[in-house]
């Protein structure tokens, strides 16, 4: 069994609903604070704010009026503190079934 962790990248602003982008609350290239709304989306006739996961300079990837699916990338942040983003990198070593490296013994 192999468990893959859920990857969370705070430099990515993703939507958690399916709907439509109503408007952006911050201008392109401006600083957005963690926990503050950066956009409004409409889903099932309700308008909801989307909250910035971290503080940084925002760059939008979808225009207002776009139809969006849950999990879709709406914007990216150039993080004020880049150490907050920890990326999962592809494994570059060798995989030994059974967990033993017979070459090293």
N, C-alpha and C. Protein backbone atom coordinates (compact mmCIF):
# COMPACT_ATOMS: atom_id res chain seq x y z
N UNK A 1 0.84 -1.18 0.00
CA UNK A 1 0.00 0.00 0.00
C UNK A 1 0.88 1.23 0.00
N UNK A 2 0.51 2.19 -0.81
CA UNK A 2 1.27 3.44 -0.90
C UNK A 2 0.30 4.59 -0.62
N UNK A 3 0.60 5.41 0.37
CA UNK A 3 -0.24 6.55 0.70
C UNK A 3 0.36 7.81 0.10
N UNK A 4 -0.45 8.58 -0.59
CA UNK A 4 0.00 9.84 -1.18
C UNK A 4 -0.65 10.98 -0.39
N UNK A 5 0.16 11.88 0.17
CA UNK A 5 -0.42 12.98 0.95
C UNK A 5 -1.17 13.96 0.06
N UNK A 6 -2.15 14.63 0.64
CA UNK A 6 -2.85 15.68 -0.08
C UNK A 6 -1.90 16.86 -0.19
N UNK A 7 -1.67 17.29 -1.41
CA UNK A 7 -0.73 18.39 -1.62
C UNK A 7 -1.45 19.72 -1.48
N UNK A 8 -0.90 20.59 -0.67
CA UNK A 8 -1.44 21.93 -0.51
C UNK A 8 -0.32 22.92 -0.81
N UNK A 9 -0.55 23.74 -1.80
CA UNK A 9 0.43 24.75 -2.18
C UNK A 9 -0.20 26.12 -1.89
N UNK A 10 0.30 26.85 -0.87
CA UNK A 10 -0.30 28.13 -0.52
C UNK A 10 -0.12 29.21 -1.58
N UNK A 11 0.69 28.96 -2.59
CA UNK A 11 0.84 29.94 -3.66
C UNK A 11 -0.25 29.81 -4.72
N UNK A 12 -1.11 28.80 -4.58
CA UNK A 12 -2.20 28.59 -5.52
C UNK A 12 -3.53 28.92 -4.87
N UNK A 13 -4.32 29.77 -5.51
CA UNK A 13 -5.66 30.11 -5.05
C UNK A 13 -6.64 29.32 -5.89
N UNK A 14 -7.20 28.28 -5.29
CA UNK A 14 -8.14 27.41 -5.99
C UNK A 14 -9.54 27.58 -5.42
N UNK A 15 -10.53 27.30 -6.25
CA UNK A 15 -11.91 27.37 -5.82
C UNK A 15 -12.35 26.03 -5.24
N UNK A 16 -13.23 26.07 -4.27
CA UNK A 16 -13.75 24.83 -3.70
C UNK A 16 -15.20 24.60 -4.13
N UNK A 17 -15.69 25.42 -5.06
CA UNK A 17 -17.07 25.28 -5.55
C UNK A 17 -17.10 25.32 -7.08
N UNK A 18 -18.17 24.79 -7.64
CA UNK A 18 -18.43 24.91 -9.07
C UNK A 18 -19.38 26.08 -9.26
N UNK A 19 -19.08 26.95 -10.19
CA UNK A 19 -19.93 28.12 -10.39
C UNK A 19 -19.33 29.09 -11.40
N UNK A 20 -19.44 30.39 -11.08
CA UNK A 20 -18.98 31.44 -11.99
C UNK A 20 -18.25 32.51 -11.19
N UNK A 21 -17.13 33.01 -11.74
CA UNK A 21 -16.39 34.11 -11.12
C UNK A 21 -17.21 35.39 -11.32
N UNK A 22 -17.64 36.02 -10.22
CA UNK A 22 -18.41 37.25 -10.30
C UNK A 22 -17.47 38.43 -10.50
N UNK A 23 -16.50 38.56 -9.59
CA UNK A 23 -15.54 39.68 -9.69
C UNK A 23 -14.34 39.39 -8.80
N UNK A 24 -13.25 40.09 -9.09
CA UNK A 24 -12.07 40.03 -8.25
C UNK A 24 -12.07 41.25 -7.34
N UNK A 25 -11.73 41.05 -6.09
CA UNK A 25 -11.77 42.11 -5.09
C UNK A 25 -10.44 42.85 -4.96
N UNK A 26 -9.39 42.28 -5.51
CA UNK A 26 -8.07 42.90 -5.49
C UNK A 26 -7.60 43.09 -6.92
N UNK A 27 -6.84 44.13 -7.16
CA UNK A 27 -6.32 44.38 -8.51
C UNK A 27 -5.17 43.43 -8.82
N UNK A 28 -5.02 43.12 -10.11
CA UNK A 28 -3.91 42.29 -10.59
C UNK A 28 -2.58 42.88 -10.11
N UNK A 29 -1.73 42.05 -9.51
CA UNK A 29 -0.41 42.49 -9.04
C UNK A 29 -0.40 43.13 -7.67
N UNK A 30 -1.56 43.27 -7.03
CA UNK A 30 -1.58 43.88 -5.70
C UNK A 30 -1.31 42.83 -4.62
N UNK A 31 -0.98 43.30 -3.43
CA UNK A 31 -0.73 42.40 -2.29
C UNK A 31 -2.06 41.99 -1.68
N UNK A 32 -2.21 40.70 -1.43
CA UNK A 32 -3.40 40.14 -0.80
C UNK A 32 -2.96 39.56 0.54
N UNK A 33 -3.73 39.81 1.59
CA UNK A 33 -3.38 39.30 2.91
C UNK A 33 -4.03 37.95 3.17
N UNK A 34 -3.32 37.10 3.90
CA UNK A 34 -3.83 35.79 4.29
C UNK A 34 -5.16 35.96 5.03
N UNK A 35 -6.16 35.15 4.64
CA UNK A 35 -7.45 35.19 5.31
C UNK A 35 -8.41 36.24 4.79
N UNK A 36 -7.98 37.08 3.87
CA UNK A 36 -8.83 38.12 3.30
C UNK A 36 -9.40 37.64 1.96
N UNK A 37 -10.63 38.06 1.61
CA UNK A 37 -11.20 37.65 0.32
C UNK A 37 -10.48 38.30 -0.86
N UNK A 38 -10.30 37.52 -1.93
CA UNK A 38 -9.67 38.05 -3.14
C UNK A 38 -10.63 38.00 -4.34
N UNK A 39 -11.71 37.21 -4.23
CA UNK A 39 -12.67 37.10 -5.33
C UNK A 39 -14.03 36.71 -4.78
N UNK A 40 -15.05 36.93 -5.63
CA UNK A 40 -16.40 36.46 -5.32
C UNK A 40 -16.84 35.52 -6.43
N UNK A 41 -17.44 34.40 -6.03
CA UNK A 41 -17.96 33.43 -6.99
C UNK A 41 -19.44 33.20 -6.71
N UNK A 42 -20.16 32.87 -7.76
CA UNK A 42 -21.58 32.56 -7.64
C UNK A 42 -21.76 31.07 -7.84
N UNK A 43 -22.44 30.43 -6.88
CA UNK A 43 -22.76 29.02 -6.97
C UNK A 43 -24.17 28.82 -6.42
N UNK A 44 -25.03 28.21 -7.20
CA UNK A 44 -26.41 27.96 -6.79
C UNK A 44 -27.10 29.24 -6.32
N UNK A 45 -26.92 30.32 -7.08
CA UNK A 45 -27.54 31.63 -6.83
C UNK A 45 -27.08 32.30 -5.54
N UNK A 46 -25.97 31.83 -4.98
CA UNK A 46 -25.36 32.48 -3.80
C UNK A 46 -24.01 33.04 -4.21
N UNK A 47 -23.68 34.21 -3.71
CA UNK A 47 -22.36 34.81 -3.96
C UNK A 47 -21.52 34.59 -2.71
N UNK A 48 -20.35 33.97 -2.92
CA UNK A 48 -19.47 33.63 -1.80
C UNK A 48 -18.08 34.20 -2.03
N UNK A 49 -17.40 34.63 -0.97
CA UNK A 49 -16.02 35.10 -1.13
C UNK A 49 -15.05 33.92 -1.16
N UNK A 50 -13.97 34.10 -1.89
CA UNK A 50 -12.86 33.14 -1.85
C UNK A 50 -11.74 33.80 -1.06
N UNK A 51 -11.15 33.06 -0.14
CA UNK A 51 -10.19 33.58 0.81
C UNK A 51 -8.76 33.23 0.39
N UNK A 52 -7.85 34.18 0.50
CA UNK A 52 -6.44 33.95 0.17
C UNK A 52 -5.81 33.02 1.20
N UNK A 53 -5.13 31.95 0.74
CA UNK A 53 -4.51 31.01 1.67
C UNK A 53 -3.24 31.55 2.34
N UNK A 54 -2.64 32.58 1.75
CA UNK A 54 -1.39 33.14 2.27
C UNK A 54 -1.26 34.57 1.78
N UNK A 55 -0.32 35.32 2.33
CA UNK A 55 -0.06 36.69 1.92
C UNK A 55 0.89 36.70 0.72
N UNK A 56 0.54 37.51 -0.30
CA UNK A 56 1.42 37.61 -1.46
C UNK A 56 0.82 38.48 -2.55
N UNK A 57 1.60 38.64 -3.62
CA UNK A 57 1.18 39.42 -4.78
C UNK A 57 0.38 38.52 -5.72
N UNK A 58 -0.84 38.94 -6.09
CA UNK A 58 -1.76 38.07 -6.82
C UNK A 58 -1.66 38.24 -8.33
N UNK A 59 -1.80 37.11 -9.03
CA UNK A 59 -1.80 37.07 -10.49
C UNK A 59 -2.97 36.17 -10.90
N UNK A 60 -3.98 36.74 -11.56
CA UNK A 60 -5.18 36.00 -11.90
C UNK A 60 -4.98 35.13 -13.15
N UNK A 61 -5.61 33.96 -13.14
CA UNK A 61 -5.51 33.01 -14.25
C UNK A 61 -6.83 32.87 -15.02
N UNK A 62 -7.92 33.35 -14.46
CA UNK A 62 -9.24 33.30 -15.09
C UNK A 62 -9.85 34.71 -15.05
N UNK A 63 -10.55 35.11 -16.10
CA UNK A 63 -11.20 36.43 -16.08
C UNK A 63 -12.56 36.37 -15.36
N UNK A 64 -13.07 37.52 -14.90
CA UNK A 64 -14.42 37.54 -14.34
C UNK A 64 -15.42 37.03 -15.38
N UNK A 65 -16.44 36.31 -14.91
CA UNK A 65 -17.43 35.73 -15.80
C UNK A 65 -17.12 34.30 -16.20
N UNK A 66 -15.93 33.81 -15.86
CA UNK A 66 -15.53 32.45 -16.21
C UNK A 66 -16.35 31.43 -15.43
N UNK A 67 -16.70 30.33 -16.09
CA UNK A 67 -17.33 29.19 -15.44
C UNK A 67 -16.20 28.35 -14.87
N UNK A 68 -16.33 27.97 -13.59
CA UNK A 68 -15.24 27.26 -12.90
C UNK A 68 -15.76 25.96 -12.26
N UNK A 69 -14.86 25.01 -12.13
CA UNK A 69 -15.13 23.75 -11.43
C UNK A 69 -14.38 23.74 -10.12
N UNK A 70 -14.87 22.97 -9.17
CA UNK A 70 -14.20 22.84 -7.88
C UNK A 70 -12.77 22.37 -8.09
N UNK A 71 -11.84 23.02 -7.41
CA UNK A 71 -10.42 22.67 -7.50
C UNK A 71 -9.66 23.41 -8.59
N UNK A 72 -10.34 24.18 -9.38
CA UNK A 72 -9.70 24.89 -10.49
C UNK A 72 -8.86 26.07 -9.99
N UNK A 73 -7.73 26.28 -10.66
CA UNK A 73 -6.81 27.36 -10.30
C UNK A 73 -7.35 28.70 -10.79
N UNK A 74 -7.60 29.63 -9.86
CA UNK A 74 -8.10 30.96 -10.21
C UNK A 74 -6.99 31.99 -10.24
N UNK A 75 -6.02 31.83 -9.35
CA UNK A 75 -4.94 32.82 -9.24
C UNK A 75 -3.72 32.18 -8.59
N UNK A 76 -2.59 32.81 -8.80
CA UNK A 76 -1.35 32.38 -8.13
C UNK A 76 -0.84 33.55 -7.31
N UNK A 77 -0.17 33.21 -6.22
CA UNK A 77 0.42 34.22 -5.35
C UNK A 77 1.94 34.13 -5.40
N UNK A 78 2.57 35.28 -5.52
CA UNK A 78 4.02 35.37 -5.32
C UNK A 78 4.13 35.64 -3.83
N UNK A 79 4.45 34.60 -3.07
CA UNK A 79 4.37 34.66 -1.62
C UNK A 79 5.31 35.69 -1.01
N UNK A 80 4.82 36.39 0.01
CA UNK A 80 5.65 37.33 0.76
C UNK A 80 6.73 36.56 1.52
N UNK A 81 6.41 35.33 1.94
CA UNK A 81 7.36 34.46 2.62
C UNK A 81 7.40 33.13 1.86
N UNK A 82 8.32 32.99 0.88
CA UNK A 82 8.36 31.80 0.04
C UNK A 82 8.60 30.49 0.80
N UNK A 83 9.11 30.55 2.01
CA UNK A 83 9.35 29.32 2.77
C UNK A 83 8.05 28.64 3.20
N UNK A 84 6.90 29.32 3.03
CA UNK A 84 5.60 28.74 3.37
C UNK A 84 5.20 27.64 2.39
N UNK A 85 5.76 27.67 1.17
CA UNK A 85 5.41 26.67 0.15
C UNK A 85 6.41 25.52 0.20
N UNK A 86 5.89 24.34 0.48
CA UNK A 86 6.71 23.14 0.47
C UNK A 86 6.16 22.24 -0.63
N UNK A 87 6.96 22.00 -1.64
CA UNK A 87 6.53 21.22 -2.80
C UNK A 87 6.87 19.74 -2.60
N UNK A 88 5.99 18.89 -3.10
CA UNK A 88 6.27 17.46 -3.14
C UNK A 88 7.01 17.20 -4.45
N UNK A 89 8.20 16.67 -4.35
CA UNK A 89 9.03 16.42 -5.52
C UNK A 89 8.97 14.95 -5.92
N UNK A 90 9.12 14.65 -7.20
CA UNK A 90 9.14 13.25 -7.62
C UNK A 90 10.33 12.51 -7.00
N UNK A 91 10.13 11.25 -6.67
CA UNK A 91 11.18 10.41 -6.10
C UNK A 91 12.25 10.16 -7.15
N UNK A 92 13.51 10.40 -6.81
CA UNK A 92 14.59 10.25 -7.78
C UNK A 92 15.55 9.12 -7.43
N UNK A 93 15.28 8.39 -6.35
CA UNK A 93 16.16 7.28 -5.96
C UNK A 93 15.70 5.97 -6.56
N UNK A 94 16.13 4.90 -5.95
CA UNK A 94 15.72 3.57 -6.39
C UNK A 94 14.72 3.00 -5.40
N UNK A 95 13.78 2.23 -5.93
CA UNK A 95 12.77 1.60 -5.10
C UNK A 95 13.13 0.13 -4.93
N UNK A 96 13.19 -0.33 -3.69
CA UNK A 96 13.53 -1.70 -3.38
C UNK A 96 12.32 -2.41 -2.78
N UNK A 97 11.68 -3.30 -3.55
CA UNK A 97 10.55 -4.05 -3.02
C UNK A 97 10.96 -4.80 -1.75
N UNK A 98 10.14 -4.78 -0.75
CA UNK A 98 10.48 -5.43 0.51
C UNK A 98 11.23 -4.50 1.44
N UNK A 99 11.68 -3.36 0.95
CA UNK A 99 12.33 -2.37 1.80
C UNK A 99 13.81 -2.57 2.05
N UNK A 100 14.43 -3.56 1.41
CA UNK A 100 15.86 -3.79 1.64
C UNK A 100 16.66 -3.49 0.40
N UNK A 101 17.81 -2.89 0.59
CA UNK A 101 18.72 -2.62 -0.50
C UNK A 101 19.76 -3.73 -0.50
N UNK A 102 19.60 -4.71 -1.39
CA UNK A 102 20.52 -5.85 -1.42
C UNK A 102 21.89 -5.47 -1.96
N UNK A 103 21.99 -4.35 -2.71
CA UNK A 103 23.28 -3.90 -3.24
C UNK A 103 24.20 -3.41 -2.14
N UNK A 104 23.65 -2.82 -1.06
CA UNK A 104 24.46 -2.23 -0.01
C UNK A 104 24.90 -3.26 1.04
N UNK A 105 24.33 -4.47 1.01
CA UNK A 105 24.68 -5.48 2.04
C UNK A 105 25.87 -6.29 1.67
